[in-house]
Amino acid sequence: MKQKILFFILLLSLSTVVIAQNRDSSEIAATQETVFNISPNPGINELNIRLAQKTEAAVEVYNLLGRKIYTGKLTAMHSAIDITSWKSGIYLVKVITDKKSITKRFVKK
């Protein structure tokens, strides 16, 4: 199990390095911002996801052990997820559209 967790973290880190080698860092930030924004970060009661464009998207949230703890659909430009039952820690929020998928870190207080 520990090997799977380490592999997941390593894979996520390597994918970021590969993207950084292919693009300039300001271009990466612009690309990520055009898909979605998270607020507040860190959050306590809810996770707000704001899409840059009106499109259907899926959202998946993973804990740092690589376990999927939330799956949902984003049908509006602004969606809120109740996170009061989540444990404090760092989570990975993945938004998947028909064109791309972007993962961002989220901290639950």
C-alpha atoms as a PDB file:
ATOM      1  CA  MET A   1       0.000   0.000   0.000  1.00  0.00           C
ATOM      2  CA  LYS A   2       2.836   2.395   0.868  1.00  0.00           C
ATOM      3  CA  GLN A   3       4.398   1.723  -2.529  1.00  0.00           C
ATOM      4  CA  LYS A   4       1.144   2.683  -4.278  1.00  0.00           C
ATOM      5  CA  ILE A   5       0.954   5.929  -2.313  1.00  0.00           C
ATOM      6  CA  LEU A   6       4.550   6.830  -3.091  1.00  0.00           C
ATOM      7  CA  PHE A   7       4.002   5.933  -6.750  1.00  0.00           C
ATOM      8  CA  PHE A   8       0.911   8.203  -6.915  1.00  0.00           C
ATOM      9  CA  ILE A   9       2.807  11.148  -5.384  1.00  0.00           C
ATOM     10  CA  LEU A  10       5.817  10.535  -7.634  1.00  0.00           C
ATOM     11  CA  LEU A  11       3.602  10.296 -10.718  1.00  0.00           C
ATOM     12  CA  LEU A  12       1.886  13.576  -9.844  1.00  0.00           C
ATOM     13  CA  SER A  13       5.252  15.268  -9.274  1.00  0.00           C
ATOM     14  CA  LEU A  14       6.731  13.945 -12.513  1.00  0.00           C
ATOM     15  CA  SER A  15       3.748  15.057 -14.581  1.00  0.00           C
ATOM     16  CA  THR A  16       4.246  18.593 -13.257  1.00  0.00           C
ATOM     17  CA  VAL A  17       7.959  18.491 -14.157  1.00  0.00           C
ATOM     18  CA  VAL A  18       7.236  17.309 -17.695  1.00  0.00           C
ATOM     19  CA  ILE A  19       4.720  20.110 -18.215  1.00  0.00           C
ATOM     20  CA  ALA A  20       7.176  22.653 -16.810  1.00  0.00           C
ATOM     21  CA  GLN A  21       9.853  21.508 -19.229  1.00  0.00           C
ATOM     22  CA  ASN A  22       7.511  21.978 -22.180  1.00  0.00           C
ATOM     23  CA  ARG A  23       6.059  25.348 -21.194  1.00  0.00           C
ATOM     24  CA  ASP A  24       7.096  28.510 -19.516  1.00  0.00           C
ATOM     25  CA  SER A  25       5.779  28.843 -15.925  1.00  0.00           C
ATOM     26  CA  SER A  26       3.555  31.846 -16.651  1.00  0.00           C
ATOM     27  CA  GLU A  27       1.906  29.856 -19.447  1.00  0.00           C
ATOM     28  CA  ILE A  28       1.220  26.988 -17.008  1.00  0.00           C
ATOM     29  CA  ALA A  29      -0.411  29.358 -14.518  1.00  0.00           C
ATOM     30  CA  ALA A  30      -2.566  30.880 -17.258  1.00  0.00           C
ATOM     31  CA  THR A  31      -3.661  27.429 -18.456  1.00  0.00           C
ATOM     32  CA  GLN A  32      -4.598  26.259 -14.967  1.00  0.00           C
ATOM     33  CA  GLU A  33      -6.484  29.448 -14.158  1.00  0.00           C
ATOM     34  CA  THR A  34      -8.577  29.176 -17.299  1.00  0.00           C
ATOM     35  CA  VAL A  35     -10.071  25.856 -16.193  1.00  0.00           C
ATOM     36  CA  PHE A  36     -11.109  26.461 -12.556  1.00  0.00           C
ATOM     37  CA  ASN A  37     -10.397  28.305  -9.316  1.00  0.00           C
ATOM     38  CA  ILE A  38     -10.710  27.040  -5.749  1.00  0.00           C
ATOM     39  CA  SER A  39     -11.747  29.206  -2.837  1.00  0.00           C
ATOM     40  CA  PRO A  40     -11.324  29.599   0.053  1.00  0.00           C
ATOM     41  CA  ASN A  41      -8.022  27.815   0.271  1.00  0.00           C
ATOM     42  CA  PRO A  42      -7.517  26.769   3.011  1.00  0.00           C
ATOM     43  CA  GLY A  43     -11.178  26.072   3.714  1.00  0.00           C
ATOM     44  CA  ILE A  44     -13.202  24.947   6.696  1.00  0.00           C
ATOM     45  CA  ASN A  45     -16.840  24.310   5.731  1.00  0.00           C
ATOM     46  CA  GLU A  46     -17.067  24.318   1.968  1.00  0.00           C
ATOM     47  CA  LEU A  47     -14.972  24.058  -1.153  1.00  0.00           C
ATOM     48  CA  ASN A  48     -16.042  26.499  -3.868  1.00  0.00           C
ATOM     49  CA  ILE A  49     -15.135  25.653  -7.448  1.00  0.00           C
ATOM     50  CA  ARG A  50     -15.545  28.335 -10.102  1.00  0.00           C
ATOM     51  CA  LEU A  51     -15.176  27.317 -13.732  1.00  0.00           C
ATOM     52  CA  ALA A  52     -13.746  29.835 -16.185  1.00  0.00           C
ATOM     53  CA  GLN A  53     -16.201  28.806 -18.901  1.00  0.00           C
ATOM     54  CA  LYS A  54     -19.669  27.336 -18.817  1.00  0.00           C
ATOM     55  CA  THR A  55     -19.041  23.697 -19.611  1.00  0.00           C
ATOM     56  CA  GLU A  56     -19.950  20.358 -18.150  1.00  0.00           C
ATOM     57  CA  ALA A  57     -17.160  18.993 -16.025  1.00  0.00           C
ATOM     58  CA  ALA A  58     -16.542  16.275 -13.494  1.00  0.00           C
ATOM     59  CA  VAL A  59     -14.756  16.780 -10.201  1.00  0.00           C
ATOM     60  CA  GLU A  60     -12.805  14.205  -8.218  1.00  0.00           C
ATOM     61  CA  VAL A  61     -11.121  14.798  -4.876  1.00  0.00           C
ATOM     62  CA  TYR A  62      -8.308  12.577  -3.596  1.00  0.00           C
ATOM     63  CA  ASN A  63      -6.603  12.484  -0.239  1.00  0.00           C
ATOM     64  CA  LEU A  64      -2.811  12.210  -0.144  1.00  0.00           C
ATOM     65  CA  LEU A  65      -3.074   8.449   0.207  1.00  0.00           C
ATOM     66  CA  GLY A  66      -4.508   8.391  -3.311  1.00  0.00           C
ATOM     67  CA  ARG A  67      -8.027   7.451  -2.226  1.00  0.00           C
ATOM     68  CA  LYS A  68     -10.896   9.092  -4.057  1.00  0.00           C
ATOM     69  CA  ILE A  69     -13.066  10.705  -1.385  1.00  0.00           C
ATOM     70  CA  TYR A  70     -15.463  12.687  -3.563  1.00  0.00           C
ATOM     71  CA  THR A  71     -16.891  12.467  -7.090  1.00  0.00           C
ATOM     72  CA  GLY A  72     -19.381  14.853  -8.607  1.00  0.00           C
ATOM     73  CA  LYS A  73     -20.492  16.798 -11.660  1.00  0.00           C
ATOM     74  CA  LEU A  74     -20.108  20.530 -12.167  1.00  0.00           C
ATOM     75  CA  THR A  75     -23.066  21.766 -14.192  1.00  0.00           C
ATOM     76  CA  ALA A  76     -22.850  25.462 -13.248  1.00  0.00           C
ATOM     77  CA  MET A  77     -19.961  27.902 -13.373  1.00  0.00           C
ATOM     78  CA  HIS A  78     -19.958  28.008  -9.560  1.00  0.00           C
ATOM     79  CA  SER A  79     -20.375  24.946  -7.348  1.00  0.00           C
ATOM     80  CA  ALA A  80     -19.929  24.395  -3.629  1.00  0.00           C
ATOM     81  CA  ILE A  81     -19.020  21.130  -1.912  1.00  0.00           C
ATOM     82  CA  ASP A  82     -19.731  20.570   1.795  1.00  0.00           C
ATOM     83  CA  ILE A  83     -16.433  19.550   3.406  1.00  0.00           C
ATOM     84  CA  THR A  84     -17.372  19.708   7.088  1.00  0.00           C
ATOM     85  CA  SER A  85     -16.993  15.933   7.462  1.00  0.00           C
ATOM     86  CA  TRP A  86     -13.536  15.828   5.834  1.00  0.00           C
ATOM     87  CA  LYS A  87     -10.456  15.490   8.024  1.00  0.00           C
ATOM     88  CA  SER A  88      -7.959  18.343   8.146  1.00  0.00           C
ATOM     89  CA  GLY A  89      -5.218  17.932   5.589  1.00  0.00           C
ATOM     90  CA  ILE A  90      -4.183  18.346   1.975  1.00  0.00           C
ATOM     91  CA  TYR A  91      -6.386  17.149  -0.882  1.00  0.00           C
ATOM     92  CA  LEU A  92      -6.016  17.022  -4.647  1.00  0.00           C
ATOM     93  CA  VAL A  93      -8.971  18.461  -6.572  1.00  0.00           C
ATOM     94  CA  LYS A  94      -9.173  17.244 -10.165  1.00  0.00           C
ATOM     95  CA  VAL A  95     -11.536  18.885 -12.648  1.00  0.00           C
ATOM     96  CA  ILE A  96     -12.098  16.980 -15.876  1.00  0.00           C
ATOM     97  CA  THR A  97     -13.604  18.585 -18.978  1.00  0.00           C
ATOM     98  CA  ASP A  98     -13.921  17.187 -22.473  1.00  0.00           C
ATOM     99  CA  LYS A  99     -10.681  18.980 -23.435  1.00  0.00           C
ATOM    100  CA  LYS A 100      -8.398  18.572 -20.405  1.00  0.00           C
ATOM    101  CA  SER A 101      -8.042  17.685 -16.772  1.00  0.00           C
ATOM    102  CA  ILE A 102      -6.287  19.845 -14.212  1.00  0.00           C
ATOM    103  CA  THR A 103      -5.404  19.001 -10.618  1.00  0.00           C
ATOM    104  CA  LYS A 104      -4.918  21.578  -7.861  1.00  0.00           C
ATOM    105  CA  ARG A 105      -4.094  21.295  -4.183  1.00  0.00           C
ATOM    106  CA  PHE A 106      -6.637  22.175  -1.524  1.00  0.00           C
ATOM    107  CA  VAL A 107      -6.082  22.463   2.226  1.00  0.00           C
ATOM    108  CA  LYS A 108      -8.863  21.623   4.705  1.00  0.00           C
ATOM    109  CA  LYS A 109      -8.376  23.275   8.098  1.00  0.00           C
END
